[in-house]
PDB file of all heavy atoms in Angstrom:
ATOM      1  N   SER A   1       0.850  -1.198   0.000  1.00  0.00           N
ATOM      2  CA  SER A   1       0.000   0.000   0.000  1.00  0.00           C
ATOM      3  C   SER A   1       0.880   1.239   0.000  1.00  0.00           C
ATOM      4  O   SER A   1       1.942   1.263   0.621  1.00  0.00           O
ATOM      5  CB  SER A   1      -0.911   0.019   1.235  1.00  0.00           C
ATOM      6  OG  SER A   1      -1.751  -1.117   1.247  1.00  0.00           O
ATOM      7  N   PHE A   2       0.403   2.252  -0.702  1.00  0.00           N
ATOM      8  CA  PHE A   2       1.141   3.520  -0.771  1.00  0.00           C
ATOM      9  C   PHE A   2       0.112   4.632  -0.665  1.00  0.00           C
ATOM     10  O   PHE A   2      -0.324   5.213  -1.643  1.00  0.00           O
ATOM     11  CB  PHE A   2       1.899   3.607  -2.102  1.00  0.00           C
ATOM     12  CG  PHE A   2       2.840   4.779  -2.182  1.00  0.00           C
ATOM     13  CD1 PHE A   2       3.887   4.908  -1.292  1.00  0.00           C
ATOM     14  CD2 PHE A   2       2.670   5.758  -3.148  1.00  0.00           C
ATOM     15  CE1 PHE A   2       4.764   5.968  -1.365  1.00  0.00           C
ATOM     16  CE2 PHE A   2       3.536   6.829  -3.234  1.00  0.00           C
ATOM     17  CZ  PHE A   2       4.581   6.941  -2.345  1.00  0.00           C
ATOM     18  N   LYS A   3      -0.345   4.871   0.570  1.00  0.00           N
ATOM     19  CA  LYS A   3      -1.482   5.746   0.798  1.00  0.00           C
ATOM     20  C   LYS A   3      -1.047   7.129   1.252  1.00  0.00           C
ATOM     21  O   LYS A   3      -0.169   7.270   2.092  1.00  0.00           O
ATOM     22  CB  LYS A   3      -2.415   5.132   1.847  1.00  0.00           C
ATOM     23  CG  LYS A   3      -2.944   3.754   1.446  1.00  0.00           C
ATOM     24  CD  LYS A   3      -3.755   3.117   2.564  1.00  0.00           C
ATOM     25  CE  LYS A   3      -4.222   1.727   2.169  1.00  0.00           C
ATOM     26  NZ  LYS A   3      -4.975   1.067   3.264  1.00  0.00           N
ATOM     27  N   LEU A   4      -1.702   8.139   0.690  1.00  0.00           N
ATOM     28  CA  LEU A   4      -1.526   9.531   1.136  1.00  0.00           C
ATOM     29  C   LEU A   4      -0.055   9.940   1.155  1.00  0.00           C
ATOM     30  O   LEU A   4       0.400  10.630   2.049  1.00  0.00           O
ATOM     31  CB  LEU A   4      -2.146   9.729   2.518  1.00  0.00           C
ATOM     32  CG  LEU A   4      -3.635   9.415   2.621  1.00  0.00           C
ATOM     33  CD1 LEU A   4      -4.113   9.582   4.040  1.00  0.00           C
ATOM     34  CD2 LEU A   4      -4.452  10.303   1.679  1.00  0.00           C
ATOM     35  N   LYS A   5       0.687   9.498   0.135  1.00  0.00           N
ATOM     36  CA  LYS A   5       2.090   9.884  -0.019  1.00  0.00           C
ATOM     37  C   LYS A   5       2.972   9.436   1.135  1.00  0.00           C
ATOM     38  O   LYS A   5       4.010  10.029   1.401  1.00  0.00           O
ATOM     39  CB  LYS A   5       2.209  11.400  -0.209  1.00  0.00           C
ATOM     40  CG  LYS A   5       1.356  11.957  -1.324  1.00  0.00           C
ATOM     41  CD  LYS A   5       1.768  11.396  -2.664  1.00  0.00           C
ATOM     42  CE  LYS A   5       0.946  11.995  -3.796  1.00  0.00           C
ATOM     43  NZ  LYS A   5       1.292  11.423  -5.094  1.00  0.00           N
ATOM     44  N   LYS A   6       2.561   8.370   1.834  1.00  0.00           N
ATOM     45  CA  LYS A   6       3.381   7.847   2.928  1.00  0.00           C
ATOM     46  C   LYS A   6       4.315   6.762   2.382  1.00  0.00           C
ATOM     47  O   LYS A   6       4.288   6.425   1.206  1.00  0.00           O
ATOM     48  CB  LYS A   6       2.493   7.277   4.036  1.00  0.00           C
ATOM     49  CG  LYS A   6       1.520   8.289   4.626  1.00  0.00           C
ATOM     50  CD  LYS A   6       2.241   9.405   5.348  1.00  0.00           C
ATOM     51  CE  LYS A   6       1.264  10.367   6.000  1.00  0.00           C
ATOM     52  NZ  LYS A   6       1.934  11.491   6.643  1.00  0.00           N
ATOM     53  N   LEU A   7       5.135   6.190   3.282  1.00  0.00           N
ATOM     54  CA  LEU A   7       6.014   5.116   2.873  1.00  0.00           C
ATOM     55  C   LEU A   7       5.201   3.895   2.465  1.00  0.00           C
ATOM     56  O   LEU A   7       4.134   3.630   3.001  1.00  0.00           O
ATOM     57  CB  LEU A   7       6.966   4.747   4.010  1.00  0.00           C
ATOM     58  CG  LEU A   7       8.001   5.801   4.408  1.00  0.00           C
ATOM     59  CD1 LEU A   7       8.792   5.312   5.612  1.00  0.00           C
ATOM     60  CD2 LEU A   7       8.940   6.106   3.245  1.00  0.00           C
ATOM     61  N   ARG A   8       5.744   3.146   1.514  1.00  0.00           N
ATOM     62  CA  ARG A   8       5.065   1.942   1.046  1.00  0.00           C
ATOM     63  C   ARG A   8       5.084   0.885   2.143  1.00  0.00           C
ATOM     64  O   ARG A   8       6.108   0.622   2.756  1.00  0.00           O
ATOM     65  CB  ARG A   8       5.752   1.400  -0.205  1.00  0.00           C
ATOM     66  CG  ARG A   8       5.009   0.243  -0.861  1.00  0.00           C
ATOM     67  CD  ARG A   8       5.752  -0.230  -2.106  1.00  0.00           C
ATOM     68  NE  ARG A   8       4.983  -1.194  -2.849  1.00  0.00           N
ATOM     69  CZ  ARG A   8       4.919  -2.494  -2.573  1.00  0.00           C
ATOM     70  NH1 ARG A   8       5.629  -2.962  -1.549  1.00  0.00           N
ATOM     71  NH2 ARG A   8       4.198  -3.313  -3.305  1.00  0.00           N
ATOM     72  N   LEU A   9       3.921   0.263   2.395  1.00  0.00           N
ATOM     73  CA  LEU A   9       3.802  -0.756   3.425  1.00  0.00           C
ATOM     74  C   LEU A   9       3.477  -2.089   2.781  1.00  0.00           C
ATOM     75  O   LEU A   9       2.692  -2.160   1.833  1.00  0.00           O
ATOM     76  CB  LEU A   9       2.699  -0.381   4.425  1.00  0.00           C
ATOM     77  CG  LEU A   9       2.869   0.954   5.170  1.00  0.00           C
ATOM     78  CD1 LEU A   9       1.648   1.224   6.024  1.00  0.00           C
ATOM     79  CD2 LEU A   9       4.127   0.926   6.024  1.00  0.00           C
ATOM     80  N   ALA A  10       4.090  -3.150   3.290  1.00  0.00           N
ATOM     81  CA  ALA A  10       3.805  -4.491   2.788  1.00  0.00           C
ATOM     82  C   ALA A  10       2.517  -5.002   3.426  1.00  0.00           C
ATOM     83  O   ALA A  10       2.358  -4.975   4.646  1.00  0.00           O
ATOM     84  CB  ALA A  10       4.968  -5.425   3.110  1.00  0.00           C
ATOM     85  N   ASN A  11       1.575  -5.451   2.583  1.00  0.00           N
ATOM     86  CA  ASN A  11       0.322  -6.002   3.084  1.00  0.00           C
ATOM     87  C   ASN A  11       0.489  -7.479   3.396  1.00  0.00           C
ATOM     88  O   ASN A  11       1.263  -8.191   2.740  1.00  0.00           O
ATOM     89  CB  ASN A  11      -0.794  -5.820   2.048  1.00  0.00           C
ATOM     90  CG  ASN A  11      -1.149  -4.356   1.847  1.00  0.00           C
ATOM     91  OD1 ASN A  11      -1.015  -3.555   2.757  1.00  0.00           O
ATOM     92  ND2 ASN A  11      -1.610  -4.007   0.653  1.00  0.00           N
ATOM     93  N   SER A  12      -0.275  -7.964   4.386  1.00  0.00           N
ATOM     94  CA  SER A  12      -0.242  -9.390   4.723  1.00  0.00           C
ATOM     95  C   SER A  12      -0.981 -10.182   3.641  1.00  0.00           C
ATOM     96  O   SER A  12      -1.852  -9.646   2.950  1.00  0.00           O
ATOM     97  CB  SER A  12      -0.905  -9.614   6.082  1.00  0.00           C
ATOM     98  OG  SER A  12      -2.249  -9.156   6.054  1.00  0.00           O
ATOM     99  N   PRO A  13      -0.645 -11.478   3.452  1.00  0.00           N
ATOM    100  CA  PRO A  13      -1.275 -12.281   2.397  1.00  0.00           C
ATOM    101  C   PRO A  13      -2.801 -12.237   2.364  1.00  0.00           C
ATOM    102  O   PRO A  13      -3.377 -12.241   1.263  1.00  0.00           O
ATOM    103  CB  PRO A  13      -0.747 -13.697   2.691  1.00  0.00           C
ATOM    104  CG  PRO A  13       0.604 -13.458   3.297  1.00  0.00           C
ATOM    105  CD  PRO A  13       0.439 -12.214   4.118  1.00  0.00           C
ATOM    106  N   PRO A  14      -3.512 -12.188   3.512  1.00  0.00           N
ATOM    107  CA  PRO A  14      -4.983 -12.124   3.417  1.00  0.00           C
ATOM    108  C   PRO A  14      -5.485 -10.869   2.686  1.00  0.00           C
ATOM    109  O   PRO A  14      -6.625 -10.856   2.196  1.00  0.00           O
ATOM    110  CB  PRO A  14      -5.429 -12.123   4.880  1.00  0.00           C
ATOM    111  CG  PRO A  14      -4.325 -12.804   5.620  1.00  0.00           C
ATOM    112  CD  PRO A  14      -3.076 -12.385   4.917  1.00  0.00           C
ATOM    113  N   MET A  15      -4.663  -9.821   2.606  1.00  0.00           N
ATOM    114  CA  MET A  15      -5.081  -8.595   1.925  1.00  0.00           C
ATOM    115  C   MET A  15      -4.765  -8.627   0.432  1.00  0.00           C
ATOM    116  O   MET A  15      -5.192  -7.761  -0.304  1.00  0.00           O
ATOM    117  CB  MET A  15      -4.393  -7.383   2.566  1.00  0.00           C
ATOM    118  CG  MET A  15      -4.752  -7.140   4.012  1.00  0.00           C
ATOM    119  SD  MET A  15      -3.828  -5.747   4.713  1.00  0.00           S
ATOM    120  CE  MET A  15      -4.422  -4.384   3.703  1.00  0.00           C
ATOM    121  N   TRP A  16      -4.009  -9.632  -0.018  1.00  0.00           N
ATOM    122  CA  TRP A  16      -3.657  -9.698  -1.424  1.00  0.00           C
ATOM    123  C   TRP A  16      -4.907  -9.983  -2.256  1.00  0.00           C
ATOM    124  O   TRP A  16      -5.841 -10.656  -1.824  1.00  0.00           O
ATOM    125  CB  TRP A  16      -2.640 -10.801  -1.683  1.00  0.00           C
ATOM    126  CG  TRP A  16      -1.305 -10.577  -1.025  1.00  0.00           C
ATOM    127  CD1 TRP A  16      -0.919  -9.482  -0.307  1.00  0.00           C
ATOM    128  CD2 TRP A  16      -0.206 -11.488  -1.000  1.00  0.00           C
ATOM    129  NE1 TRP A  16       0.362  -9.636   0.144  1.00  0.00           N
ATOM    130  CE2 TRP A  16       0.835 -10.853  -0.270  1.00  0.00           C
ATOM    131  CE3 TRP A  16       0.013 -12.744  -1.532  1.00  0.00           C
ATOM    132  CZ2 TRP A  16       2.056 -11.470  -0.049  1.00  0.00           C
ATOM    133  CZ3 TRP A  16       1.244 -13.360  -1.324  1.00  0.00           C
ATOM    134  CH2 TRP A  16       2.246 -12.729  -0.594  1.00  0.00           C
ATOM    135  N   ILE A  17      -4.913  -9.478  -3.447  1.00  0.00           N
ATOM    136  CA  ILE A  17      -5.992  -9.753  -4.401  1.00  0.00           C
ATOM    137  C   ILE A  17      -5.393 -10.613  -5.501  1.00  0.00           C
ATOM    138  O   ILE A  17      -4.398 -10.238  -6.106  1.00  0.00           O
ATOM    139  CB  ILE A  17      -6.575  -8.449  -4.983  1.00  0.00           C
ATOM    140  CG1 ILE A  17      -7.130  -7.588  -3.850  1.00  0.00           C
ATOM    141  CG2 ILE A  17      -7.652  -8.744  -6.015  1.00  0.00           C
ATOM    142  CD1 ILE A  17      -7.567  -6.207  -4.291  1.00  0.00           C
ATOM    143  N   ARG A  18      -6.002 -11.756  -5.753  1.00  0.00           N
ATOM    144  CA  ARG A  18      -5.394 -12.685  -6.686  1.00  0.00           C
ATOM    145  C   ARG A  18      -6.423 -13.245  -7.659  1.00  0.00           C
ATOM    146  O   ARG A  18      -7.606 -13.338  -7.357  1.00  0.00           O
ATOM    147  CB  ARG A  18      -4.674 -13.809  -5.953  1.00  0.00           C
ATOM    148  CG  ARG A  18      -5.567 -14.665  -5.074  1.00  0.00           C
ATOM    149  CD  ARG A  18      -4.749 -15.682  -4.277  1.00  0.00           C
ATOM    150  NE  ARG A  18      -3.968 -16.523  -5.166  1.00  0.00           N
ATOM    151  CZ  ARG A  18      -2.647 -16.664  -5.071  1.00  0.00           C
ATOM    152  NH1 ARG A  18      -1.977 -16.008  -4.132  1.00  0.00           N
ATOM    153  NH2 ARG A  18      -2.000 -17.448  -5.900  1.00  0.00           N
ATOM    154  N   LYS A  19      -5.948 -13.614  -8.812  1.00  0.00           N
ATOM    155  CA  LYS A  19      -6.750 -14.302  -9.815  1.00  0.00           C
ATOM    156  C   LYS A  19      -5.896 -15.446 -10.346  1.00  0.00           C
ATOM    157  O   LYS A  19      -4.952 -15.237 -11.115  1.00  0.00           O
ATOM    158  CB  LYS A  19      -7.121 -13.338 -10.948  1.00  0.00           C
ATOM    159  CG  LYS A  19      -7.744 -14.011 -12.165  1.00  0.00           C
ATOM    160  CD  LYS A  19      -9.075 -14.663 -11.845  1.00  0.00           C
ATOM    161  CE  LYS A  19      -9.678 -15.256 -13.137  1.00  0.00           C
ATOM    162  NZ  LYS A  19     -10.915 -15.999 -12.854  1.00  0.00           N
ATOM    163  N   ASP A  20      -6.206 -16.648  -9.891  1.00  0.00           N
ATOM    164  CA  ASP A  20      -5.470 -17.813 -10.364  1.00  0.00           C
ATOM    165  C   ASP A  20      -5.880 -18.133 -11.796  1.00  0.00           C
ATOM    166  O   ASP A  20      -7.056 -18.020 -12.165  1.00  0.00           O
ATOM    167  CB  ASP A  20      -5.735 -19.019  -9.461  1.00  0.00           C
ATOM    168  CG  ASP A  20      -5.169 -18.824  -8.062  1.00  0.00           C
ATOM    169  OD1 ASP A  20      -4.299 -17.949  -7.905  1.00  0.00           O
ATOM    170  OD2 ASP A  20      -5.601 -19.529  -7.136  1.00  0.00           O
ATOM    171  N   GLY A  21      -4.915 -18.534 -12.601  1.00  0.00           N
ATOM    172  CA  GLY A  21      -5.192 -18.869 -13.984  1.00  0.00           C
ATOM    173  C   GLY A  21      -5.538 -17.665 -14.834  1.00  0.00           C
ATOM    174  O   GLY A  21      -6.303 -17.778 -15.803  1.00  0.00           O
ATOM    175  N   ALA A  22      -4.986 -16.506 -14.486  1.00  0.00           N
ATOM    176  CA  ALA A  22      -5.284 -15.291 -15.259  1.00  0.00           C
ATOM    177  C   ALA A  22      -4.621 -15.321 -16.629  1.00  0.00           C
ATOM    178  O   ALA A  22      -5.134 -14.749 -17.583  1.00  0.00           O
ATOM    179  CB  ALA A  22      -4.820 -14.051 -14.489  1.00  0.00           C
ATOM    180  N   PHE A  23      -3.457 -15.969 -16.736  1.00  0.00           N
ATOM    181  CA  PHE A  23      -2.779 -16.069 -18.027  1.00  0.00           C
ATOM    182  C   PHE A  23      -2.265 -17.486 -18.221  1.00  0.00           C
ATOM    183  O   PHE A  23      -2.258 -18.302 -17.293  1.00  0.00           O
ATOM    184  CB  PHE A  23      -1.580 -15.105 -18.151  1.00  0.00           C
ATOM    185  CG  PHE A  23      -1.450 -14.087 -17.063  1.00  0.00           C
ATOM    186  CD1 PHE A  23      -0.633 -14.308 -15.959  1.00  0.00           C
ATOM    187  CD2 PHE A  23      -2.132 -12.886 -17.138  1.00  0.00           C
ATOM    188  CE1 PHE A  23      -0.513 -13.367 -14.959  1.00  0.00           C
ATOM    189  CE2 PHE A  23      -2.007 -11.947 -16.140  1.00  0.00           C
ATOM    190  CZ  PHE A  23      -1.207 -12.183 -15.049  1.00  0.00           C
ATOM    191  N   GLU A  24      -1.824 -17.743 -19.430  1.00  0.00           N
ATOM    192  CA  GLU A  24      -1.273 -19.057 -19.733  1.00  0.00           C
ATOM    193  C   GLU A  24       0.095 -19.191 -19.053  1.00  0.00           C
ATOM    194  O   GLU A  24       0.966 -18.330 -19.233  1.00  0.00           O
ATOM    195  CB  GLU A  24      -1.121 -19.223 -21.248  1.00  0.00           C
ATOM    196  CG  GLU A  24      -0.636 -20.602 -21.666  1.00  0.00           C
ATOM    197  CD  GLU A  24      -0.554 -20.740 -23.172  1.00  0.00           C
ATOM    198  OE1 GLU A  24      -1.083 -19.848 -23.877  1.00  0.00           O
ATOM    199  OE2 GLU A  24       0.047 -21.723 -23.634  1.00  0.00           O
ATOM    200  N   PRO A  25       0.317 -20.252 -18.288  1.00  0.00           N
ATOM    201  CA  PRO A  25       1.605 -20.392 -17.580  1.00  0.00           C
ATOM    202  C   PRO A  25       2.751 -20.667 -18.541  1.00  0.00           C
ATOM    203  O   PRO A  25       2.568 -21.268 -19.597  1.00  0.00           O
ATOM    204  CB  PRO A  25       1.369 -21.583 -16.649  1.00  0.00           C
ATOM    205  CG  PRO A  25       0.276 -22.365 -17.298  1.00  0.00           C
ATOM    206  CD  PRO A  25      -0.605 -21.358 -17.991  1.00  0.00           C
ATOM    207  N   VAL A  26       3.945 -20.198 -18.141  1.00  0.00           N
ATOM    208  CA  VAL A  26       5.154 -20.480 -18.922  1.00  0.00           C
ATOM    209  C   VAL A  26       6.067 -21.436 -18.173  1.00  0.00           C
ATOM    210  O   VAL A  26       7.063 -21.900 -18.729  1.00  0.00           O
ATOM    211  CB  VAL A  26       5.905 -19.176 -19.280  1.00  0.00           C
ATOM    212  CG1 VAL A  26       5.044 -18.275 -20.146  1.00  0.00           C
ATOM    213  CG2 VAL A  26       6.383 -18.450 -18.037  1.00  0.00           C
ATOM    214  N   VAL A  27       5.749 -21.685 -16.891  1.00  0.00           N
ATOM    215  CA  VAL A  27       6.498 -22.641 -16.067  1.00  0.00           C
ATOM    216  C   VAL A  27       5.494 -23.643 -15.504  1.00  0.00           C
ATOM    217  O   VAL A  27       4.454 -23.239 -14.979  1.00  0.00           O
ATOM    218  CB  VAL A  27       7.243 -21.921 -14.916  1.00  0.00           C
ATOM    219  CG1 VAL A  27       7.889 -22.926 -13.974  1.00  0.00           C
ATOM    220  CG2 VAL A  27       8.277 -20.964 -15.466  1.00  0.00           C
ATOM    221  N   PRO A  28       5.765 -24.950 -15.580  1.00  0.00           N
ATOM    222  CA  PRO A  28       4.850 -25.934 -14.993  1.00  0.00           C
ATOM    223  C   PRO A  28       4.677 -25.696 -13.494  1.00  0.00           C
ATOM    224  O   PRO A  28       5.663 -25.439 -12.781  1.00  0.00           O
ATOM    225  CB  PRO A  28       5.541 -27.276 -15.266  1.00  0.00           C
ATOM    226  CG  PRO A  28       6.421 -27.008 -16.445  1.00  0.00           C
ATOM    227  CD  PRO A  28       6.884 -25.584 -16.287  1.00  0.00           C
ATOM    228  N   PRO A  29       3.435 -25.807 -12.977  1.00  0.00           N
ATOM    229  CA  PRO A  29       3.204 -25.542 -11.541  1.00  0.00           C
ATOM    230  C   PRO A  29       4.068 -26.396 -10.624  1.00  0.00           C
ATOM    231  O   PRO A  29       4.558 -25.905  -9.603  1.00  0.00           O
ATOM    232  CB  PRO A  29       1.713 -25.867 -11.373  1.00  0.00           C
ATOM    233  CG  PRO A  29       1.129 -25.636 -12.725  1.00  0.00           C
ATOM    234  CD  PRO A  29       2.184 -26.054 -13.698  1.00  0.00           C
ATOM    235  N   GLU A  30       4.278 -27.691 -10.978  1.00  0.00           N
ATOM    236  CA  GLU A  30       5.077 -28.549 -10.093  1.00  0.00           C
ATOM    237  C   GLU A  30       6.528 -28.080 -10.030  1.00  0.00           C
ATOM    238  O   GLU A  30       7.186 -28.196  -8.983  1.00  0.00           O
ATOM    239  CB  GLU A  30       5.002 -29.999 -10.558  1.00  0.00           C
ATOM    240  CG  GLU A  30       5.548 -30.272 -11.951  1.00  0.00           C
ATOM    241  CD  GLU A  30       4.519 -30.066 -13.056  1.00  0.00           C
ATOM    242  OE1 GLU A  30       3.463 -29.446 -12.780  1.00  0.00           O
ATOM    243  OE2 GLU A  30       4.775 -30.523 -14.184  1.00  0.00           O
ATOM    244  N   VAL A  31       7.028 -27.511 -11.128  1.00  0.00           N
ATOM    245  CA  VAL A  31       8.390 -26.972 -11.133  1.00  0.00           C
ATOM    246  C   VAL A  31       8.461 -25.740 -10.236  1.00  0.00           C
ATOM    247  O   VAL A  31       9.401 -25.569  -9.444  1.00  0.00           O
ATOM    248  CB  VAL A  31       8.821 -26.624 -12.575  1.00  0.00           C
ATOM    249  CG1 VAL A  31      10.151 -25.867 -12.578  1.00  0.00           C
ATOM    250  CG2 VAL A  31       8.928 -27.892 -13.413  1.00  0.00           C
ATOM    251  N   PHE A  32       7.463 -24.860 -10.362  1.00  0.00           N
ATOM    252  CA  PHE A  32       7.437 -23.633  -9.556  1.00  0.00           C
ATOM    253  C   PHE A  32       7.406 -23.969  -8.062  1.00  0.00           C
ATOM    254  O   PHE A  32       8.173 -23.396  -7.273  1.00  0.00           O
ATOM    255  CB  PHE A  32       6.224 -22.789  -9.941  1.00  0.00           C
ATOM    256  CG  PHE A  32       6.077 -21.523  -9.143  1.00  0.00           C
ATOM    257  CD1 PHE A  32       6.757 -20.371  -9.502  1.00  0.00           C
ATOM    258  CD2 PHE A  32       5.266 -21.481  -8.015  1.00  0.00           C
ATOM    259  CE1 PHE A  32       6.633 -19.203  -8.759  1.00  0.00           C
ATOM    260  CE2 PHE A  32       5.132 -20.320  -7.271  1.00  0.00           C
ATOM    261  CZ  PHE A  32       5.814 -19.176  -7.648  1.00  0.00           C
ATOM    262  N   HIS A  33       6.527 -24.887  -7.663  1.00  0.00           N
ATOM    263  CA  HIS A  33       6.378 -25.198  -6.235  1.00  0.00           C
ATOM    264  C   HIS A  33       7.615 -25.924  -5.700  1.00  0.00           C
ATOM    265  O   HIS A  33       7.979 -25.753  -4.529  1.00  0.00           O
ATOM    266  CB  HIS A  33       5.120 -26.026  -6.014  1.00  0.00           C
ATOM    267  CG  HIS A  33       3.857 -25.255  -6.285  1.00  0.00           C
ATOM    268  ND1 HIS A  33       3.544 -24.094  -5.622  1.00  0.00           N
ATOM    269  CD2 HIS A  33       2.853 -25.470  -7.180  1.00  0.00           C
ATOM    270  CE1 HIS A  33       2.380 -23.615  -6.063  1.00  0.00           C
ATOM    271  NE2 HIS A  33       1.946 -24.432  -7.017  1.00  0.00           N
ATOM    272  N   THR A  34       8.287 -26.698  -6.539  1.00  0.00           N
ATOM    273  CA  THR A  34       9.548 -27.316  -6.120  1.00  0.00           C
ATOM    274  C   THR A  34      10.599 -26.239  -5.845  1.00  0.00           C
ATOM    275  O   THR A  34      11.348 -26.317  -4.860  1.00  0.00           O
ATOM    276  CB  THR A  34      10.058 -28.278  -7.204  1.00  0.00           C
ATOM    277  OG1 THR A  34       9.088 -29.304  -7.423  1.00  0.00           O
ATOM    278  CG2 THR A  34      11.375 -28.919  -6.789  1.00  0.00           C
ATOM    279  N   ALA A  35      10.633 -25.233  -6.711  1.00  0.00           N
ATOM    280  CA  ALA A  35      11.581 -24.121  -6.526  1.00  0.00           C
ATOM    281  C   ALA A  35      11.295 -23.381  -5.227  1.00  0.00           C
ATOM    282  O   ALA A  35      12.232 -23.010  -4.493  1.00  0.00           O
ATOM    283  CB  ALA A  35      11.499 -23.168  -7.718  1.00  0.00           C
ATOM    284  N   GLN A  36      10.013 -23.179  -4.903  1.00  0.00           N
ATOM    285  CA  GLN A  36       9.680 -22.471  -3.668  1.00  0.00           C
ATOM    286  C   GLN A  36      10.136 -23.255  -2.443  1.00  0.00           C
ATOM    287  O   GLN A  36      10.603 -22.683  -1.452  1.00  0.00           O
ATOM    288  CB  GLN A  36       8.165 -22.202  -3.583  1.00  0.00           C
ATOM    289  CG  GLN A  36       7.572 -21.466  -4.784  1.00  0.00           C
ATOM    290  CD  GLN A  36       8.459 -20.368  -5.301  1.00  0.00           C
ATOM    291  OE1 GLN A  36       8.766 -19.405  -4.602  1.00  0.00           O
ATOM    292  NE2 GLN A  36       8.886 -20.501  -6.555  1.00  0.00           N
ATOM    293  N   ALA A  37       9.993 -24.583  -2.505  1.00  0.00           N
ATOM    294  CA  ALA A  37      10.423 -25.420  -1.380  1.00  0.00           C
ATOM    295  C   ALA A  37      11.934 -25.345  -1.188  1.00  0.00           C
ATOM    296  O   ALA A  37      12.425 -25.284  -0.049  1.00  0.00           O
ATOM    297  CB  ALA A  37       9.981 -26.862  -1.624  1.00  0.00           C
ATOM    298  N   ILE A  38      12.674 -25.326  -2.297  1.00  0.00           N
ATOM    299  CA  ILE A  38      14.135 -25.226  -2.206  1.00  0.00           C
ATOM    300  C   ILE A  38      14.548 -23.891  -1.607  1.00  0.00           C
ATOM    301  O   ILE A  38      15.404 -23.827  -0.713  1.00  0.00           O
ATOM    302  CB  ILE A  38      14.765 -25.412  -3.606  1.00  0.00           C
ATOM    303  CG1 ILE A  38      14.572 -26.848  -4.084  1.00  0.00           C
ATOM    304  CG2 ILE A  38      16.250 -25.039  -3.586  1.00  0.00           C
ATOM    305  CD1 ILE A  38      15.014 -27.081  -5.512  1.00  0.00           C
ATOM    306  N   LEU A  39      13.939 -22.817  -2.086  1.00  0.00           N
ATOM    307  CA  LEU A  39      14.301 -21.488  -1.578  1.00  0.00           C
ATOM    308  C   LEU A  39      13.942 -21.333  -0.112  1.00  0.00           C
ATOM    309  O   LEU A  39      14.678 -20.715   0.660  1.00  0.00           O
ATOM    310  CB  LEU A  39      13.602 -20.412  -2.418  1.00  0.00           C
ATOM    311  CG  LEU A  39      14.063 -20.310  -3.882  1.00  0.00           C
ATOM    312  CD1 LEU A  39      13.188 -19.312  -4.653  1.00  0.00           C
ATOM    313  CD2 LEU A  39      15.523 -19.885  -3.960  1.00  0.00           C
ATOM    314  N   LYS A  40      12.789 -21.898   0.274  1.00  0.00           N
ATOM    315  CA  LYS A  40      12.371 -21.812   1.680  1.00  0.00           C
ATOM    316  C   LYS A  40      13.332 -22.592   2.573  1.00  0.00           C
ATOM    317  O   LYS A  40      13.662 -22.153   3.680  1.00  0.00           O
ATOM    318  CB  LYS A  40      10.953 -22.346   1.832  1.00  0.00           C
ATOM    319  CG  LYS A  40      10.391 -22.174   3.232  1.00  0.00           C
ATOM    320  CD  LYS A  40       8.934 -22.623   3.308  1.00  0.00           C
ATOM    321  CE  LYS A  40       8.379 -22.410   4.710  1.00  0.00           C
ATOM    322  NZ  LYS A  40       6.948 -22.861   4.795  1.00  0.00           N
ATOM    323  N   ALA A  41      13.798 -23.752   2.095  1.00  0.00           N
ATOM    324  CA  ALA A  41      14.712 -24.566   2.899  1.00  0.00           C
ATOM    325  C   ALA A  41      16.057 -23.887   3.074  1.00  0.00           C
ATOM    326  O   ALA A  41      16.773 -24.157   4.050  1.00  0.00           O
ATOM    327  CB  ALA A  41      14.898 -25.931   2.239  1.00  0.00           C
ATOM    328  N   ARG A  42      16.423 -23.006   2.155  1.00  0.00           N
ATOM    329  CA  ARG A  42      17.712 -22.316   2.250  1.00  0.00           C
ATOM    330  C   ARG A  42      17.703 -21.185   3.268  1.00  0.00           C
ATOM    331  O   ARG A  42      18.759 -20.704   3.673  1.00  0.00           O
ATOM    332  CB  ARG A  42      18.094 -21.744   0.887  1.00  0.00           C
ATOM    333  CG  ARG A  42      18.500 -22.781  -0.129  1.00  0.00           C
ATOM    334  CD  ARG A  42      18.880 -22.117  -1.440  1.00  0.00           C
ATOM    335  NE  ARG A  42      19.295 -23.073  -2.449  1.00  0.00           N
ATOM    336  CZ  ARG A  42      19.660 -22.728  -3.681  1.00  0.00           C
ATOM    337  NH1 ARG A  42      19.636 -21.446  -4.041  1.00  0.00           N
ATOM    338  NH2 ARG A  42      20.026 -23.651  -4.556  1.00  0.00           N
TER     339      ARG A  42
END
């Protein structure tokens, strides 16, 4: 959020607005989620 010319604040995930399947994927979902698990473990 960047309200009233203040510093940008990170919103928590429940405040995110999302649309799954909005575009055609370029990376297979199983590959993406494997990458997230690796990065999280690091």
